[in-house]
Amino acid sequence: MMGSPSDHLANERTFLAWVRTGIALIGFGFVIAKFALFISILKGAKTLSSSSVTYGEVMIILGGIVILYGLYSYLENEKDISRNQYTPRVLPNMIFVGIILAITVILALFII
């Protein structure tokens, strides 16, 4: 195993930051969805016709995507550390940002 222990630990800390971010998005998604249910109960509605539940579900999915990308990044960085080299990941990062921006634009269009 090449690379110093501090390199591996830094990589692990970065991975845990991705996981925390994903968990925060998932939690926020649950809050959005549950708030919509709470409002419908307060209104005495028989059915739930709120798009907030959909937005909450999208946030939950987005959180999962963030965690998966963090895992991918962690594993690739571990390979690089073991080989004592650095490989920029321009294309995977651009794809990740593209997915996030696409989801953002779609949600923004639904709000308008």
C-alpha atoms as a PDB file:
ATOM      1  CA  MET A   1       0.000   0.000   0.000  1.00  0.00           C
ATOM      2  CA  MET A   2       1.676   3.175  -1.226  1.00  0.00           C
ATOM      3  CA  GLY A   3       0.863   6.565   0.114  1.00  0.00           C
ATOM      4  CA  SER A   4       1.125   7.693   3.666  1.00  0.00           C
ATOM      5  CA  PRO A   5      -1.536   6.952   6.266  1.00  0.00           C
ATOM      6  CA  SER A   6      -2.440  10.640   6.236  1.00  0.00           C
ATOM      7  CA  ASP A   7      -3.273  10.382   2.513  1.00  0.00           C
ATOM      8  CA  HIS A   8      -5.669   7.506   3.148  1.00  0.00           C
ATOM      9  CA  LEU A   9      -7.191   9.236   6.157  1.00  0.00           C
ATOM     10  CA  ALA A  10      -7.696  12.462   4.173  1.00  0.00           C
ATOM     11  CA  ASN A  11      -9.418  10.452   1.454  1.00  0.00           C
ATOM     12  CA  GLU A  12     -11.654   8.835   4.062  1.00  0.00           C
ATOM     13  CA  ARG A  13     -12.544  12.226   5.577  1.00  0.00           C
ATOM     14  CA  THR A  14     -13.501  13.486   2.130  1.00  0.00           C
ATOM     15  CA  PHE A  15     -15.663  10.407   1.577  1.00  0.00           C
ATOM     16  CA  LEU A  16     -17.379  10.961   4.923  1.00  0.00           C
ATOM     17  CA  ALA A  17     -18.085  14.569   3.884  1.00  0.00           C
ATOM     18  CA  TRP A  18     -19.827  13.240   0.757  1.00  0.00           C
ATOM     19  CA  VAL A  19     -21.841  10.853   2.928  1.00  0.00           C
ATOM     20  CA  ARG A  20     -22.828  13.645   5.350  1.00  0.00           C
ATOM     21  CA  THR A  21     -23.933  15.822   2.441  1.00  0.00           C
ATOM     22  CA  GLY A  22     -25.982  12.968   0.987  1.00  0.00           C
ATOM     23  CA  ILE A  23     -27.597  12.251   4.350  1.00  0.00           C
ATOM     24  CA  ALA A  24     -28.439  15.946   4.748  1.00  0.00           C
ATOM     25  CA  LEU A  25     -30.132  15.959   1.331  1.00  0.00           C
ATOM     26  CA  ILE A  26     -32.048  12.788   2.175  1.00  0.00           C
ATOM     27  CA  GLY A  27     -33.142  14.258   5.505  1.00  0.00           C
ATOM     28  CA  PHE A  28     -34.200  17.493   3.828  1.00  0.00           C
ATOM     29  CA  GLY A  29     -36.184  15.466   1.285  1.00  0.00           C
ATOM     30  CA  PHE A  30     -38.048  13.682   4.076  1.00  0.00           C
ATOM     31  CA  VAL A  31     -38.797  17.026   5.749  1.00  0.00           C
ATOM     32  CA  ILE A  32     -40.196  18.450   2.508  1.00  0.00           C
ATOM     33  CA  ALA A  33     -42.380  15.379   1.890  1.00  0.00           C
ATOM     34  CA  LYS A  34     -43.615  15.133   5.481  1.00  0.00           C
ATOM     35  CA  PHE A  35     -44.362  18.856   5.613  1.00  0.00           C
ATOM     36  CA  ALA A  36     -46.633  18.479   2.573  1.00  0.00           C
ATOM     37  CA  LEU A  37     -48.458  15.631   4.332  1.00  0.00           C
ATOM     38  CA  PHE A  38     -48.760  17.736   7.490  1.00  0.00           C
ATOM     39  CA  ILE A  39     -50.254  20.688   5.573  1.00  0.00           C
ATOM     40  CA  SER A  40     -52.777  18.436   3.828  1.00  0.00           C
ATOM     41  CA  ILE A  41     -53.854  17.029   7.219  1.00  0.00           C
ATOM     42  CA  LEU A  42     -54.249  20.562   8.600  1.00  0.00           C
ATOM     43  CA  LYS A  43     -56.406  21.505   5.619  1.00  0.00           C
ATOM     44  CA  GLY A  44     -58.494  18.365   6.114  1.00  0.00           C
ATOM     45  CA  ALA A  45     -57.849  17.253   2.547  1.00  0.00           C
ATOM     46  CA  LYS A  46     -58.852  13.710   1.646  1.00  0.00           C
ATOM     47  CA  THR A  47     -56.129  13.385  -0.969  1.00  0.00           C
ATOM     48  CA  LEU A  48     -52.600  14.681  -1.221  1.00  0.00           C
ATOM     49  CA  SER A  49     -52.192  16.751  -4.364  1.00  0.00           C
ATOM     50  CA  SER A  50     -48.972  18.511  -3.523  1.00  0.00           C
ATOM     51  CA  SER A  51     -45.892  18.586  -5.655  1.00  0.00           C
ATOM     52  CA  SER A  52     -43.875  19.009  -2.446  1.00  0.00           C
ATOM     53  CA  VAL A  53     -43.913  15.241  -1.991  1.00  0.00           C
ATOM     54  CA  THR A  54     -42.371  14.902  -5.440  1.00  0.00           C
ATOM     55  CA  TYR A  55     -39.728  17.513  -4.601  1.00  0.00           C
ATOM     56  CA  GLY A  56     -38.983  15.637  -1.383  1.00  0.00           C
ATOM     57  CA  GLU A  57     -38.603  12.385  -3.292  1.00  0.00           C
ATOM     58  CA  VAL A  58     -36.251  14.053  -5.768  1.00  0.00           C
ATOM     59  CA  MET A  59     -34.123  15.376  -2.875  1.00  0.00           C
ATOM     60  CA  ILE A  60     -33.965  11.863  -1.414  1.00  0.00           C
ATOM     61  CA  ILE A  61     -32.826  10.461  -4.765  1.00  0.00           C
ATOM     62  CA  LEU A  62     -30.330  13.308  -5.119  1.00  0.00           C
ATOM     63  CA  GLY A  63     -28.892  12.428  -1.703  1.00  0.00           C
ATOM     64  CA  GLY A  64     -28.421   8.841  -2.853  1.00  0.00           C
ATOM     65  CA  ILE A  65     -26.680  10.022  -6.020  1.00  0.00           C
ATOM     66  CA  VAL A  66     -24.318  12.189  -3.959  1.00  0.00           C
ATOM     67  CA  ILE A  67     -23.414   9.263  -1.697  1.00  0.00           C
ATOM     68  CA  LEU A  68     -22.808   6.966  -4.673  1.00  0.00           C
ATOM     69  CA  TYR A  69     -20.605   9.560  -6.361  1.00  0.00           C
ATOM     70  CA  GLY A  70     -18.691  10.010  -3.111  1.00  0.00           C
ATOM     71  CA  LEU A  71     -18.095   6.256  -2.973  1.00  0.00           C
ATOM     72  CA  TYR A  72     -16.901   6.240  -6.586  1.00  0.00           C
ATOM     73  CA  SER A  73     -14.534   9.133  -5.870  1.00  0.00           C
ATOM     74  CA  TYR A  74     -13.239   7.475  -2.699  1.00  0.00           C
ATOM     75  CA  LEU A  75     -12.472   4.177  -4.453  1.00  0.00           C
ATOM     76  CA  GLU A  76     -10.768   5.884  -7.391  1.00  0.00           C
ATOM     77  CA  ASN A  77      -8.662   8.025  -5.059  1.00  0.00           C
ATOM     78  CA  GLU A  78      -7.660   4.927  -3.062  1.00  0.00           C
ATOM     79  CA  LYS A  79      -6.400   3.352  -6.298  1.00  0.00           C
ATOM     80  CA  ASP A  80      -4.414   6.485  -7.105  1.00  0.00           C
ATOM     81  CA  ILE A  81      -2.932   6.675  -3.611  1.00  0.00           C
ATOM     82  CA  SER A  82      -1.932   3.002  -3.786  1.00  0.00           C
ATOM     83  CA  ARG A  83      -0.201   3.598  -7.131  1.00  0.00           C
ATOM     84  CA  ASN A  84       1.332   6.841  -5.853  1.00  0.00           C
ATOM     85  CA  GLN A  85      -0.115   8.864  -8.708  1.00  0.00           C
ATOM     86  CA  TYR A  86      -2.833  11.448  -9.304  1.00  0.00           C
ATOM     87  CA  THR A  87      -5.399  11.181 -12.080  1.00  0.00           C
ATOM     88  CA  PRO A  88      -7.667  14.194 -12.630  1.00  0.00           C
ATOM     89  CA  ARG A  89     -11.293  13.167 -13.041  1.00  0.00           C
ATOM     90  CA  VAL A  90     -12.541  15.956 -15.250  1.00  0.00           C
ATOM     91  CA  LEU A  91     -15.120  13.928 -17.203  1.00  0.00           C
ATOM     92  CA  PRO A  92     -16.719  12.149 -14.204  1.00  0.00           C
ATOM     93  CA  ASN A  93     -16.902  15.468 -12.341  1.00  0.00           C
ATOM     94  CA  MET A  94     -18.488  17.167 -15.350  1.00  0.00           C
ATOM     95  CA  ILE A  95     -21.034  14.344 -15.675  1.00  0.00           C
ATOM     96  CA  PHE A  96     -21.860  14.583 -11.971  1.00  0.00           C
ATOM     97  CA  VAL A  97     -22.338  18.356 -12.178  1.00  0.00           C
ATOM     98  CA  GLY A  98     -24.421  17.916 -15.348  1.00  0.00           C
ATOM     99  CA  ILE A  99     -26.757  15.485 -13.585  1.00  0.00           C
ATOM    100  CA  ILE A 100     -27.169  17.796 -10.602  1.00  0.00           C
ATOM    101  CA  LEU A 101     -27.779  20.824 -12.832  1.00  0.00           C
ATOM    102  CA  ALA A 102     -30.293  18.903 -14.957  1.00  0.00           C
ATOM    103  CA  ILE A 103     -32.248  17.919 -11.857  1.00  0.00           C
ATOM    104  CA  THR A 104     -32.098  21.532 -10.645  1.00  0.00           C
ATOM    105  CA  VAL A 105     -33.389  22.929 -13.947  1.00  0.00           C
ATOM    106  CA  ILE A 106     -36.197  20.362 -14.102  1.00  0.00           C
ATOM    107  CA  LEU A 107     -37.281  21.201 -10.552  1.00  0.00           C
ATOM    108  CA  ALA A 108     -37.087  24.923 -11.292  1.00  0.00           C
ATOM    109  CA  LEU A 109     -39.300  24.485 -14.373  1.00  0.00           C
ATOM    110  CA  PHE A 110     -41.898  22.627 -12.289  1.00  0.00           C
ATOM    111  CA  ILE A 111     -41.964  25.455  -9.757  1.00  0.00           C
ATOM    112  CA  ILE A 112     -42.533  28.090 -12.468  1.00  0.00           C
END
